[in-house]
Amino acid sequence: MKLTPLSPQKLIKLLGFLGYFPARQKGSHVILENQETGRIVVVPVHSSKEIGVGLLSTILRELGISREEYFELLKKA
């Protein structure tokens, strides 16, 4: 399957399934942290803009999850 743009709110919800929760916000960027692993990921939340395919791919790579795992998470949401 192909990645498609995604709203920041939906991505934050999906990351919640992986144990990432908002730690803080600086401007229009929400910093999510996983308490178990200590990993941090930054999600830009700009008004009425979706997260593009390139940035989404980079975030998935930083998280260490495959596209298949991502699509399974999408089915949950």
Protein backbone atom coordinates (compact mmCIF):
# COMPACT_ATOMS: atom_id res chain seq x y z
CA MET A 1 0.00 0.00 0.00
CA LYS A 2 0.97 3.59 -0.52
CA LEU A 3 1.38 6.17 2.21
CA THR A 4 -1.05 9.08 2.00
CA PRO A 5 -1.07 12.44 3.79
CA LEU A 6 -2.50 12.29 7.30
CA SER A 7 -3.85 14.87 9.73
CA PRO A 8 -1.57 15.58 12.71
CA GLN A 9 -4.38 14.78 15.16
CA LYS A 10 -4.85 11.32 13.67
CA LEU A 11 -1.09 10.66 13.75
CA ILE A 12 -0.96 11.65 17.42
CA LYS A 13 -3.85 9.25 18.09
CA LEU A 14 -2.02 6.43 16.25
CA LEU A 15 1.15 7.09 18.22
CA GLY A 16 -0.90 6.79 21.40
CA PHE A 17 -1.50 3.14 20.48
CA LEU A 18 2.29 2.70 20.48
CA GLY A 19 2.66 4.24 23.93
CA TYR A 20 3.59 7.79 22.88
CA PHE A 21 1.92 10.59 24.79
CA PRO A 22 2.24 14.38 24.52
CA ALA A 23 5.00 15.53 26.85
CA ARG A 24 4.94 19.19 25.87
CA GLN A 25 4.28 21.59 23.04
CA LYS A 26 6.53 24.28 21.66
CA GLY A 27 4.72 26.56 19.26
CA SER A 28 3.03 24.44 16.63
CA HIS A 29 5.04 21.29 17.37
CA VAL A 30 3.84 18.61 19.77
CA ILE A 31 6.60 16.56 21.38
CA LEU A 32 5.49 13.00 22.16
CA GLU A 33 7.42 10.71 24.46
CA ASN A 34 7.32 6.99 25.12
CA GLN A 35 7.76 6.41 28.85
CA GLU A 36 9.03 2.85 28.43
CA THR A 37 11.71 3.45 25.80
CA GLY A 38 12.39 7.14 26.37
CA ARG A 39 12.08 7.82 22.63
CA ILE A 40 10.82 11.20 21.51
CA VAL A 41 9.06 12.15 18.28
CA VAL A 42 8.00 15.62 17.13
CA VAL A 43 4.74 16.11 15.22
CA PRO A 44 4.06 19.48 13.55
CA VAL A 45 0.48 20.67 14.07
CA HIS A 46 -0.08 23.53 11.64
CA SER A 47 -3.60 24.81 11.07
CA SER A 48 -5.44 22.94 8.32
CA LYS A 49 -2.27 21.26 7.00
CA GLU A 50 -1.74 17.55 6.73
CA ILE A 51 1.52 15.71 7.31
CA GLY A 52 2.95 14.88 3.91
CA VAL A 53 4.17 11.50 2.73
CA GLY A 54 7.87 12.41 3.06
CA LEU A 55 7.61 13.60 6.66
CA LEU A 56 5.32 10.69 7.55
CA SER A 57 7.90 8.26 6.16
CA THR A 58 10.64 9.96 8.19
CA ILE A 59 8.58 9.77 11.39
CA LEU A 60 7.90 6.05 10.82
CA ARG A 61 11.62 5.43 10.26
CA GLU A 62 12.47 7.32 13.49
CA LEU A 63 9.95 5.20 15.38
CA GLY A 64 11.36 2.01 13.91
CA ILE A 65 8.02 0.69 12.65
CA SER A 66 7.38 -0.75 9.22
CA ARG A 67 4.74 0.36 6.76
CA GLU A 68 2.81 -2.84 7.45
CA GLU A 69 2.68 -2.03 11.17
CA TYR A 70 1.57 1.51 10.30
CA PHE A 71 -1.30 0.24 8.17
CA GLU A 72 -2.37 -2.12 10.97
CA LEU A 73 -2.50 0.88 13.30
CA LEU A 74 -4.61 2.76 10.77
CA LYS A 75 -7.15 -0.08 10.84
CA LYS A 76 -7.44 0.29 14.64
CA ALA A 77 -8.20 4.01 14.49
